[in-house]
Amino acid sequence: MATRAFTLQRICNFAGKEFDPDSDEQVNEVLRNKFNISLPQRRTMNDAMAAVSSDHDIIALILQYRTMV
């Protein structure tokens, strides 16, 4: 099982820059500007990402990161 730090490193490698995957604003900005992914409107950011998680590996990694303790 990957550690939280390792998952963060993979996320930042995908994005090509460091950012906070726990920040909804930063995640939305990276997904929109770097990957041209528009998230659907949902109740929570995690719900919105889950709806399009198959669009790019980084979304699944962010969701995984957010559930790690």
N, C-alpha and C. Protein backbone atom coordinates (compact mmCIF):
# COMPACT_ATOMS: atom_id res chain seq x y z
N MET A 1 0.84 -1.20 0.00
CA MET A 1 0.00 0.00 0.00
C MET A 1 0.88 1.25 0.00
N ALA A 2 0.53 2.19 -0.85
CA ALA A 2 1.31 3.42 -0.97
C ALA A 2 1.07 4.33 0.24
N THR A 3 2.11 5.06 0.60
CA THR A 3 1.98 6.01 1.68
C THR A 3 1.36 7.31 1.15
N ARG A 4 0.91 8.13 2.07
CA ARG A 4 0.32 9.41 1.68
C ARG A 4 1.36 10.30 0.99
N ALA A 5 2.59 10.28 1.50
CA ALA A 5 3.65 11.09 0.91
C ALA A 5 3.97 10.63 -0.51
N PHE A 6 4.01 9.31 -0.72
CA PHE A 6 4.28 8.77 -2.05
C PHE A 6 3.16 9.12 -3.03
N THR A 7 1.92 9.04 -2.56
CA THR A 7 0.77 9.39 -3.40
C THR A 7 0.81 10.87 -3.76
N LEU A 8 1.17 11.72 -2.79
CA LEU A 8 1.31 13.15 -3.06
C LEU A 8 2.37 13.40 -4.13
N GLN A 9 3.48 12.70 -4.03
CA GLN A 9 4.56 12.84 -5.01
C GLN A 9 4.07 12.45 -6.41
N ARG A 10 3.32 11.37 -6.51
CA ARG A 10 2.79 10.94 -7.80
C ARG A 10 1.81 11.98 -8.37
N ILE A 11 0.97 12.54 -7.50
CA ILE A 11 0.01 13.56 -7.94
C ILE A 11 0.76 14.77 -8.50
N CYS A 12 1.76 15.23 -7.77
CA CYS A 12 2.52 16.40 -8.21
C CYS A 12 3.31 16.11 -9.48
N ASN A 13 3.80 14.88 -9.65
CA ASN A 13 4.48 14.51 -10.88
C ASN A 13 3.53 14.57 -12.06
N PHE A 14 2.32 14.04 -11.89
CA PHE A 14 1.31 14.11 -12.95
C PHE A 14 1.03 15.56 -13.32
N ALA A 15 0.86 16.40 -12.30
CA ALA A 15 0.48 17.80 -12.52
C ALA A 15 1.64 18.65 -13.02
N GLY A 16 2.86 18.21 -12.77
CA GLY A 16 4.02 18.99 -13.18
C GLY A 16 4.30 20.15 -12.26
N LYS A 17 3.65 20.16 -11.10
CA LYS A 17 3.89 21.22 -10.12
C LYS A 17 3.36 20.75 -8.77
N GLU A 18 3.84 21.41 -7.72
CA GLU A 18 3.36 21.08 -6.39
C GLU A 18 2.09 21.87 -6.09
N PHE A 19 1.14 21.19 -5.47
CA PHE A 19 -0.08 21.83 -5.01
C PHE A 19 -0.68 20.97 -3.92
N ASP A 20 -1.69 21.50 -3.24
CA ASP A 20 -2.31 20.80 -2.12
C ASP A 20 -3.56 20.05 -2.61
N PRO A 21 -3.51 18.70 -2.69
CA PRO A 21 -4.65 17.93 -3.16
C PRO A 21 -5.86 17.99 -2.21
N ASP A 22 -5.67 18.51 -1.01
CA ASP A 22 -6.79 18.68 -0.09
C ASP A 22 -7.53 20.00 -0.33
N SER A 23 -6.95 20.87 -1.15
CA SER A 23 -7.57 22.17 -1.44
C SER A 23 -8.45 22.05 -2.68
N ASP A 24 -9.76 22.21 -2.49
CA ASP A 24 -10.68 22.13 -3.63
C ASP A 24 -10.33 23.14 -4.72
N GLU A 25 -9.97 24.35 -4.32
CA GLU A 25 -9.64 25.40 -5.29
C GLU A 25 -8.42 25.03 -6.11
N GLN A 26 -7.36 24.54 -5.45
CA GLN A 26 -6.14 24.18 -6.15
C GLN A 26 -6.36 22.98 -7.06
N VAL A 27 -7.12 21.99 -6.60
CA VAL A 27 -7.41 20.81 -7.42
C VAL A 27 -8.19 21.22 -8.66
N ASN A 28 -9.21 22.03 -8.48
CA ASN A 28 -10.03 22.48 -9.61
C ASN A 28 -9.18 23.24 -10.62
N GLU A 29 -8.30 24.09 -10.13
CA GLU A 29 -7.43 24.88 -11.02
C GLU A 29 -6.50 23.97 -11.81
N VAL A 30 -5.87 22.99 -11.16
CA VAL A 30 -4.96 22.08 -11.84
C VAL A 30 -5.70 21.23 -12.87
N LEU A 31 -6.84 20.69 -12.48
CA LEU A 31 -7.60 19.84 -13.41
C LEU A 31 -8.07 20.64 -14.62
N ARG A 32 -8.51 21.85 -14.40
CA ARG A 32 -9.02 22.68 -15.49
C ARG A 32 -7.89 23.17 -16.39
N ASN A 33 -6.83 23.73 -15.80
CA ASN A 33 -5.78 24.37 -16.60
C ASN A 33 -4.76 23.40 -17.18
N LYS A 34 -4.41 22.38 -16.44
CA LYS A 34 -3.38 21.44 -16.89
C LYS A 34 -3.96 20.32 -17.74
N PHE A 35 -5.13 19.80 -17.34
CA PHE A 35 -5.67 18.61 -18.00
C PHE A 35 -6.96 18.88 -18.78
N ASN A 36 -7.43 20.13 -18.76
CA ASN A 36 -8.66 20.51 -19.46
C ASN A 36 -9.85 19.64 -19.04
N ILE A 37 -9.92 19.35 -17.75
CA ILE A 37 -11.01 18.56 -17.19
C ILE A 37 -11.96 19.50 -16.44
N SER A 38 -13.20 19.54 -16.88
CA SER A 38 -14.21 20.32 -16.19
C SER A 38 -15.03 19.37 -15.33
N LEU A 39 -15.10 19.68 -14.07
CA LEU A 39 -15.85 18.82 -13.15
C LEU A 39 -17.32 19.17 -13.18
N PRO A 40 -18.18 18.16 -13.13
CA PRO A 40 -19.62 18.44 -13.06
C PRO A 40 -19.98 19.00 -11.68
N GLN A 41 -21.07 19.73 -11.62
CA GLN A 41 -21.50 20.26 -10.33
C GLN A 41 -22.11 19.13 -9.52
N ARG A 42 -21.57 18.94 -8.34
CA ARG A 42 -22.05 17.93 -7.41
C ARG A 42 -22.07 18.54 -6.02
N ARG A 43 -22.59 17.80 -5.08
CA ARG A 43 -22.68 18.29 -3.70
C ARG A 43 -21.30 18.59 -3.12
N THR A 44 -20.33 17.69 -3.36
CA THR A 44 -18.97 17.90 -2.84
C THR A 44 -17.96 17.74 -3.97
N MET A 45 -16.78 18.25 -3.72
CA MET A 45 -15.69 18.12 -4.71
C MET A 45 -15.37 16.65 -4.94
N ASN A 46 -15.36 15.84 -3.88
CA ASN A 46 -15.07 14.41 -4.03
C ASN A 46 -16.12 13.73 -4.90
N ASP A 47 -17.38 14.10 -4.74
CA ASP A 47 -18.45 13.54 -5.59
C ASP A 47 -18.23 13.92 -7.05
N ALA A 48 -17.85 15.17 -7.28
CA ALA A 48 -17.61 15.65 -8.64
C ALA A 48 -16.44 14.89 -9.28
N MET A 49 -15.36 14.70 -8.51
CA MET A 49 -14.21 13.97 -9.05
C MET A 49 -14.56 12.50 -9.28
N ALA A 50 -15.32 11.91 -8.40
CA ALA A 50 -15.70 10.51 -8.55
C ALA A 50 -16.52 10.30 -9.83
N ALA A 51 -17.31 11.30 -10.20
CA ALA A 51 -18.15 11.20 -11.39
C ALA A 51 -17.32 11.14 -12.67
N VAL A 52 -16.11 11.69 -12.64
CA VAL A 52 -15.26 11.70 -13.84
C VAL A 52 -13.91 11.03 -13.59
N SER A 53 -13.84 10.17 -12.59
CA SER A 53 -12.56 9.58 -12.20
C SER A 53 -11.90 8.77 -13.31
N SER A 54 -12.67 8.30 -14.27
CA SER A 54 -12.07 7.53 -15.36
C SER A 54 -11.42 8.42 -16.42
N ASP A 55 -11.62 9.74 -16.33
CA ASP A 55 -11.06 10.64 -17.32
C ASP A 55 -9.55 10.75 -17.25
N HIS A 56 -8.98 10.63 -16.07
CA HIS A 56 -7.53 10.76 -15.93
C HIS A 56 -7.08 10.12 -14.63
N ASP A 57 -5.91 9.52 -14.65
CA ASP A 57 -5.37 8.84 -13.47
C ASP A 57 -5.18 9.78 -12.28
N ILE A 58 -4.92 11.05 -12.54
CA ILE A 58 -4.67 11.97 -11.43
C ILE A 58 -5.90 12.11 -10.53
N ILE A 59 -7.08 12.00 -11.11
CA ILE A 59 -8.30 12.14 -10.31
C ILE A 59 -8.42 11.00 -9.31
N ALA A 60 -8.15 9.78 -9.77
CA ALA A 60 -8.19 8.63 -8.86
C ALA A 60 -7.13 8.77 -7.77
N LEU A 61 -5.96 9.30 -8.12
CA LEU A 61 -4.91 9.50 -7.12
C LEU A 61 -5.31 10.54 -6.09
N ILE A 62 -5.93 11.63 -6.54
CA ILE A 62 -6.37 12.66 -5.60
C ILE A 62 -7.43 12.11 -4.66
N LEU A 63 -8.38 11.35 -5.20
CA LEU A 63 -9.39 10.75 -4.35
C LEU A 63 -8.77 9.78 -3.35
N GLN A 64 -7.79 9.01 -3.81
CA GLN A 64 -7.08 8.08 -2.91
C GLN A 64 -6.35 8.86 -1.81
N TYR A 65 -5.67 9.92 -2.20
CA TYR A 65 -4.93 10.75 -1.25
C TYR A 65 -5.85 11.32 -0.17
N ARG A 66 -7.01 11.81 -0.60
CA ARG A 66 -7.95 12.42 0.33
C ARG A 66 -8.53 11.43 1.33
N THR A 67 -8.51 10.14 1.02
CA THR A 67 -9.05 9.15 1.96
C THR A 67 -7.99 8.56 2.87
N MET A 68 -6.72 8.85 2.60
CA MET A 68 -5.64 8.33 3.44
C MET A 68 -5.56 9.10 4.74
N VAL A 69 -5.17 8.41 5.78
CA VAL A 69 -5.03 9.04 7.10
C VAL A 69 -3.59 9.41 7.35
